[in-house]
Amino acid sequence: MTYHKKTMILRILEYFIEKADDEEAKNLMSGLWEQLHPKIIEMESMFINEGAVPPKGFTKVDVNLEAPKLWENGFDIMFSRILKEISTGMYALHLTISYREDIIKLYKQLTEITENYYDKFTQYLLGKSILSRPNYVNMPSSIDFISDKQYMKGSTILGQKRLLNTIEFGVLYRGFESNITGMQLMKGFAQCAKDKDVQKYFSKGLELSKEIILENEGILIESNIQPPSTPGGTVTSSTIAPFSDRLMLFCNYLLGSFSLGGQGFSATFLWRNDLITKIGVQAKDIFEYTREGAALLMSKGWIEEPPKMDL
């Protein structure tokens, strides 16, 4: 799994580096590529030393460096940041199911690289005013405890919704930020995908992101909170694909899987029943969409089968 994801990221970075018109962004992405590439070689050596055939992953045939720019306005760093966010979650999971000392060491090193570049990408985006900061709130002046069961119900007898707490806002804000970027990603992928089935699937993902954004926006407005205005990048008019349909579909599958895990984890921190219901419906839609993507990958023969357990 790590090999597939890392080879995919290298191909995406190679395209973004080739098209970067901001020197600082180019240097950041080049630095990440230079740190990740040796890890690919290290993983290949691990497979070979154990007598295993290394996975195919994604190679030079999956990226078209001659393709025109598909996104502008900081999308390259915005999406690279999302990829590092996914890596953070995946390494935390992989560390908990690893036992060999060399494998644990590998994931600890990858985690360090990821955390370092996630911070660098965030500070770059904030410095360029591409990434919006979350809403400010007044600092608490007292310690309060919840003593009313209506807190979980989320509304009074008169039907008035209680205001969101800061944790609930954080969950909704995160959904905004990721889906705005995801919407631009799906728009670009749908615009240049060669396979009609894949193109249709990306268009469906675009509409799903829109639905989640609009629903979360309504919840914030209901609490008199100004929704964020994260730009998320701009899609150009190019219809020439920078990546193979296989890479784009796998990337989308990975994003859906991560989003699904995030939705489930976040739901445990929501205390308003109406929010739990809405997040649950969103998770169901994301699950069905992601499963559809997995089936599409299999029908095209584009996903490698994991090694079988011995009988």
Protein backbone atom coordinates (compact mmCIF):
# COMPACT_ATOMS: atom_id res chain seq x y z
CA MET A 1 0.00 0.00 0.00
CA THR A 2 2.78 2.40 0.91
CA TYR A 3 4.68 1.59 -2.28
CA HIS A 4 1.62 2.28 -4.42
CA LYS A 5 0.90 5.57 -2.68
CA LYS A 6 4.51 6.76 -2.71
CA THR A 7 5.05 6.01 -6.41
CA MET A 8 1.79 7.83 -7.13
CA ILE A 9 2.93 10.89 -5.15
CA LEU A 10 6.28 10.97 -6.97
CA ARG A 11 4.50 11.09 -10.35
CA ILE A 12 2.17 13.87 -9.15
CA LEU A 13 5.10 15.86 -7.75
CA GLU A 14 7.06 15.47 -11.01
CA TYR A 15 4.21 17.07 -12.95
CA PHE A 16 3.68 19.86 -10.42
CA ILE A 17 7.44 20.60 -10.29
CA GLU A 18 7.61 20.74 -14.10
CA LYS A 19 4.69 23.22 -14.27
CA ALA A 20 5.49 25.32 -11.17
CA ASP A 21 5.87 29.03 -11.86
CA ASP A 22 6.61 29.92 -8.23
CA GLU A 23 10.20 29.19 -7.23
CA GLU A 24 9.42 28.66 -3.55
CA ALA A 25 6.69 26.14 -4.36
CA LYS A 26 8.98 24.37 -6.82
CA ASN A 27 11.76 24.08 -4.23
CA LEU A 28 9.37 22.73 -1.61
CA MET A 29 8.02 20.01 -3.89
CA SER A 30 11.50 19.16 -5.20
CA GLY A 31 12.72 18.78 -1.61
CA LEU A 32 9.90 16.36 -0.84
CA TRP A 33 10.58 14.35 -4.02
CA GLU A 34 14.28 14.06 -3.10
CA GLN A 35 13.42 12.68 0.34
CA LEU A 36 10.74 10.25 -0.86
CA HIS A 37 12.59 8.77 -3.85
CA PRO A 38 15.25 6.98 -1.73
CA LYS A 39 12.43 5.45 0.34
CA ILE A 40 10.99 3.89 -2.83
CA ILE A 41 14.38 2.31 -3.54
CA GLU A 42 14.62 1.15 0.08
CA MET A 43 11.19 -0.53 -0.14
CA GLU A 44 12.13 -2.22 -3.42
CA SER A 45 15.27 -3.62 -1.74
CA MET A 46 13.17 -4.93 1.16
CA PHE A 47 10.90 -6.82 -1.23
CA ILE A 48 13.80 -8.26 -3.25
CA ASN A 49 15.76 -9.27 -0.13
CA GLU A 50 12.71 -11.26 1.04
CA GLY A 51 12.39 -12.99 -2.33
CA ALA A 52 9.25 -11.04 -3.23
CA VAL A 53 8.48 -9.41 -6.57
CA PRO A 54 8.21 -5.63 -5.98
CA PRO A 55 4.79 -4.12 -6.81
CA LYS A 56 4.40 -2.29 -10.11
CA GLY A 57 3.06 0.88 -8.54
CA PHE A 58 3.10 3.94 -10.79
CA THR A 59 5.88 4.64 -13.27
CA LYS A 60 6.92 7.25 -15.84
CA VAL A 61 4.18 6.01 -18.19
CA ASP A 62 1.59 7.30 -15.70
CA VAL A 63 2.67 10.94 -15.96
CA ASN A 64 2.78 13.30 -18.96
CA LEU A 65 5.19 16.13 -18.21
CA GLU A 66 4.36 17.72 -21.58
CA ALA A 67 0.70 18.22 -20.65
CA PRO A 68 -0.28 21.89 -20.13
CA LYS A 69 -1.08 23.22 -16.69
CA LEU A 70 -4.39 21.79 -15.46
CA TRP A 71 -4.62 23.80 -12.21
CA GLU A 72 -3.45 27.26 -11.15
CA ASN A 73 -3.47 29.55 -8.09
CA GLY A 74 -1.53 27.39 -5.63
CA PHE A 75 -3.38 24.14 -6.27
CA ASP A 76 -0.08 22.24 -6.49
CA ILE A 77 0.85 22.97 -2.87
CA MET A 78 -2.77 22.76 -1.72
CA PHE A 79 -3.09 19.23 -3.07
CA SER A 80 0.41 18.23 -1.92
CA ARG A 81 -0.69 19.25 1.58
CA ILE A 82 -3.78 17.02 1.32
CA LEU A 83 -1.56 14.11 0.23
CA LYS A 84 0.66 14.65 3.29
CA GLU A 85 -2.43 14.69 5.48
CA ILE A 86 -3.41 11.28 4.09
CA SER A 87 0.14 10.01 4.67
CA THR A 88 -0.01 11.05 8.32
CA GLY A 89 -3.09 8.91 8.88
CA MET A 90 -1.78 5.96 6.90
CA TYR A 91 1.57 5.82 8.70
CA ALA A 92 -0.16 5.94 12.09
CA LEU A 93 -2.20 2.91 10.99
CA HIS A 94 0.73 1.04 9.44
CA LEU A 95 2.90 1.54 12.52
CA THR A 96 0.28 -0.19 14.67
CA ILE A 97 0.30 -3.29 12.44
CA SER A 98 4.09 -3.50 11.98
CA TYR A 99 6.37 -5.73 14.09
CA ARG A 100 9.71 -5.87 12.31
CA GLU A 101 12.18 -3.29 13.58
CA ASP A 102 13.26 -2.19 10.09
CA ILE A 103 9.64 -1.69 8.98
CA ILE A 104 8.82 0.34 12.10
CA LYS A 105 11.95 2.43 11.49
CA LEU A 106 10.84 3.06 7.88
CA TYR A 107 7.42 4.33 8.97
CA LYS A 108 8.93 6.53 11.69
CA GLN A 109 11.20 8.12 9.07
CA LEU A 110 8.34 8.57 6.60
CA THR A 111 6.23 10.11 9.38
CA GLU A 112 8.97 12.62 10.13
CA ILE A 113 9.24 13.61 6.46
CA THR A 114 5.46 13.94 6.19
CA GLU A 115 5.02 16.07 9.32
CA ASN A 116 7.87 18.33 8.24
CA TYR A 117 6.45 18.98 4.77
CA TYR A 118 2.85 19.25 5.95
CA ASP A 119 3.99 22.15 8.12
CA LYS A 120 6.02 23.71 5.28
CA PHE A 121 3.09 23.47 2.85
CA THR A 122 0.70 24.96 5.40
CA GLN A 123 2.96 27.91 6.14
CA TYR A 124 3.52 28.51 2.42
CA LEU A 125 -0.23 28.59 1.73
CA LEU A 126 -0.90 30.90 4.68
CA GLY A 127 1.95 33.18 3.63
CA LYS A 128 0.54 33.43 0.11
CA SER A 129 -3.03 33.97 1.48
CA ILE A 130 -4.17 30.88 -0.46
CA LEU A 131 -5.26 28.97 2.63
CA SER A 132 -7.89 30.64 4.82
CA ARG A 133 -7.50 30.58 8.59
CA PRO A 134 -10.40 29.11 10.61
CA ASN A 135 -12.76 31.56 12.33
CA TYR A 136 -11.54 33.17 15.55
CA VAL A 137 -13.46 32.68 18.82
CA ASN A 138 -13.38 34.45 22.16
CA MET A 139 -11.30 32.75 24.84
CA PRO A 140 -13.38 31.13 27.64
CA SER A 141 -13.57 33.08 30.90
CA SER A 142 -14.91 30.19 33.00
CA ILE A 143 -15.06 26.39 33.20
CA ASP A 144 -18.50 24.99 32.41
CA PHE A 145 -19.89 21.45 32.64
CA ILE A 146 -22.75 20.00 30.59
CA SER A 147 -25.71 19.15 32.82
CA ASP A 148 -28.60 19.18 30.33
CA LYS A 149 -29.40 16.16 28.15
CA GLN A 150 -30.80 18.60 25.60
CA TYR A 151 -27.17 19.37 24.73
CA MET A 152 -26.98 16.17 22.70
CA LYS A 153 -30.40 16.68 21.21
CA GLY A 154 -29.04 19.95 19.90
CA SER A 155 -32.29 21.90 20.09
CA THR A 156 -34.65 23.38 22.66
CA ILE A 157 -38.32 22.55 23.14
CA LEU A 158 -39.04 25.47 20.82
CA GLY A 159 -36.88 23.87 18.15
CA GLN A 160 -34.01 26.35 18.35
CA LYS A 161 -30.61 24.78 17.59
CA ARG A 162 -27.87 25.29 20.14
CA LEU A 163 -24.74 26.97 18.85
CA LEU A 164 -21.92 24.78 17.59
CA ASN A 165 -19.05 24.21 19.98
CA THR A 166 -15.48 24.70 18.76
CA ILE A 167 -14.84 20.96 18.28
CA GLU A 168 -17.92 20.56 16.11
CA PHE A 169 -16.90 23.62 14.12
CA GLY A 170 -13.44 22.12 13.60
CA VAL A 171 -14.91 18.93 12.15
CA LEU A 172 -17.18 20.88 9.76
CA TYR A 173 -14.37 23.26 8.76
CA ARG A 174 -12.11 20.34 7.92
CA GLY A 175 -14.84 18.99 5.65
CA PHE A 176 -15.02 22.33 3.88
CA GLU A 177 -11.31 22.60 3.30
CA SER A 178 -10.84 19.09 1.92
CA ASN A 179 -13.96 19.08 -0.27
CA ILE A 180 -13.20 22.46 -1.85
CA THR A 181 -9.82 21.12 -2.94
CA GLY A 182 -11.42 17.79 -3.88
CA MET A 183 -14.00 19.58 -6.01
CA GLN A 184 -11.27 21.26 -8.07
CA LEU A 185 -9.38 17.98 -8.34
CA MET A 186 -12.45 16.11 -9.63
CA LYS A 187 -13.25 18.93 -12.06
CA GLY A 188 -9.75 18.72 -13.53
CA PHE A 189 -9.75 14.91 -13.67
CA ALA A 190 -13.19 14.79 -15.34
CA GLN A 191 -12.07 17.37 -17.88
CA CYS A 192 -9.11 15.34 -19.14
CA ALA A 193 -9.90 11.65 -18.47
CA LYS A 194 -9.82 9.55 -21.66
CA ASP A 195 -12.05 6.66 -20.54
CA LYS A 196 -15.75 7.61 -20.60
CA ASP A 197 -16.59 5.49 -17.54
CA VAL A 198 -13.79 7.11 -15.56
CA GLN A 199 -14.79 10.57 -16.75
CA LYS A 200 -18.38 9.96 -15.63
CA TYR A 201 -17.14 8.72 -12.25
CA PHE A 202 -15.09 11.88 -11.64
CA SER A 203 -18.09 14.05 -12.56
CA LYS A 204 -20.11 12.16 -9.95
CA GLY A 205 -17.38 12.85 -7.38
CA LEU A 206 -17.51 16.55 -8.24
CA GLU A 207 -21.24 16.64 -7.49
CA LEU A 208 -20.74 14.74 -4.22
CA SER A 209 -18.15 17.29 -3.04
CA LYS A 210 -20.55 20.11 -3.91
CA GLU A 211 -23.34 18.50 -1.88
CA ILE A 212 -21.13 18.13 1.20
CA ILE A 213 -19.89 21.73 0.91
CA LEU A 214 -23.43 23.13 0.62
CA GLU A 215 -24.73 21.03 3.52
CA ASN A 216 -21.88 22.02 5.85
CA GLU A 217 -22.29 25.63 4.76
CA GLY A 218 -25.96 25.54 5.79
CA ILE A 219 -25.07 24.21 9.25
CA LEU A 220 -22.57 27.03 9.82
CA ILE A 221 -24.93 29.76 8.61
CA GLU A 222 -27.61 28.36 10.92
CA SER A 223 -25.21 29.10 13.82
CA ASN A 224 -24.46 32.59 12.40
CA ILE A 225 -20.93 31.51 11.43
CA GLN A 226 -19.38 32.85 8.24
CA PRO A 227 -18.36 29.85 6.06
CA PRO A 228 -14.68 29.78 5.01
CA SER A 229 -13.62 30.97 1.58
CA THR A 230 -10.72 28.64 0.81
CA PRO A 231 -10.10 29.03 -2.95
CA GLY A 232 -8.85 25.49 -3.55
CA GLY A 233 -7.15 26.39 -6.86
CA THR A 234 -8.47 27.08 -10.36
CA VAL A 235 -8.95 24.58 -13.18
CA THR A 236 -7.63 25.70 -16.57
CA SER A 237 -9.26 24.93 -19.93
CA SER A 238 -6.76 22.16 -20.79
CA THR A 239 -8.18 18.76 -21.75
CA ILE A 240 -4.80 17.01 -22.02
CA ALA A 241 -4.32 14.59 -19.12
CA PRO A 242 -1.18 15.04 -16.98
CA PHE A 243 -1.69 11.56 -15.51
CA SER A 244 -2.97 8.19 -16.70
CA ASP A 245 -6.61 7.36 -16.01
CA ARG A 246 -5.32 4.54 -13.78
CA LEU A 247 -3.33 6.94 -11.59
CA MET A 248 -6.17 9.47 -11.35
CA LEU A 249 -8.71 6.79 -10.45
CA PHE A 250 -6.43 5.25 -7.82
CA CYS A 251 -5.75 8.72 -6.38
CA ASN A 252 -9.48 9.35 -6.13
CA TYR A 253 -10.02 5.96 -4.48
CA LEU A 254 -7.33 6.78 -1.91
CA LEU A 255 -8.89 10.17 -1.14
CA GLY A 256 -12.34 8.60 -0.74
CA SER A 257 -11.00 5.93 1.62
CA PHE A 258 -9.21 8.53 3.74
CA SER A 259 -12.27 10.78 3.80
CA LEU A 260 -14.44 7.85 4.90
CA GLY A 261 -12.09 7.08 7.79
CA GLY A 262 -12.00 10.74 8.77
CA GLN A 263 -15.79 11.00 8.74
CA GLY A 264 -16.17 8.00 11.03
CA PHE A 265 -13.51 9.21 13.46
CA SER A 266 -14.88 12.77 13.52
CA ALA A 267 -18.44 11.63 14.20
CA THR A 268 -17.41 10.52 17.70
CA PHE A 269 -16.65 14.15 18.58
CA LEU A 270 -20.02 15.51 17.48
CA TRP A 271 -22.55 15.88 20.29
CA ARG A 272 -25.50 17.30 18.38
CA ASN A 273 -27.69 14.45 17.15
CA ASP A 274 -28.63 16.26 13.95
CA LEU A 275 -24.93 16.66 13.07
CA ILE A 276 -24.27 12.97 13.72
CA THR A 277 -27.13 12.07 11.37
CA LYS A 278 -25.89 14.39 8.61
CA ILE A 279 -22.28 13.23 8.88
CA GLY A 280 -23.56 9.62 8.85
CA VAL A 281 -25.42 10.21 5.58
CA GLN A 282 -22.33 11.87 4.10
CA ALA A 283 -20.20 8.89 5.17
CA LYS A 284 -22.68 6.50 3.55
CA ASP A 285 -22.53 8.46 0.27
CA ILE A 286 -18.72 8.55 0.38
CA PHE A 287 -18.58 4.81 1.12
CA GLU A 288 -20.82 3.94 -1.82
CA TYR A 289 -18.88 6.27 -4.12
CA THR A 290 -15.51 4.84 -3.01
CA ARG A 291 -16.72 1.25 -3.45
CA GLU A 292 -17.87 2.16 -6.95
CA GLY A 293 -14.36 3.45 -7.65
CA ALA A 294 -12.79 0.21 -6.39
CA ALA A 295 -15.12 -1.82 -8.65
CA LEU A 296 -14.19 0.40 -11.59
CA LEU A 297 -10.47 -0.09 -10.93
CA MET A 298 -10.98 -3.85 -10.88
CA SER A 299 -13.14 -3.90 -14.01
CA LYS A 300 -10.37 -2.08 -15.91
CA GLY A 301 -7.65 -4.36 -14.52
CA TRP A 302 -5.88 -1.37 -12.96
CA ILE A 303 -5.38 -2.44 -9.36
CA GLU A 304 -2.76 -4.91 -8.15
CA GLU A 305 -3.98 -7.83 -6.06
CA PRO A 306 -2.51 -7.96 -2.53
CA PRO A 307 -0.38 -11.08 -1.81
CA LYS A 308 -2.51 -14.08 -0.80
CA MET A 309 -2.30 -15.70 2.61
CA ASP A 310 -0.76 -19.20 2.55
CA LEU A 311 -3.15 -22.16 2.94
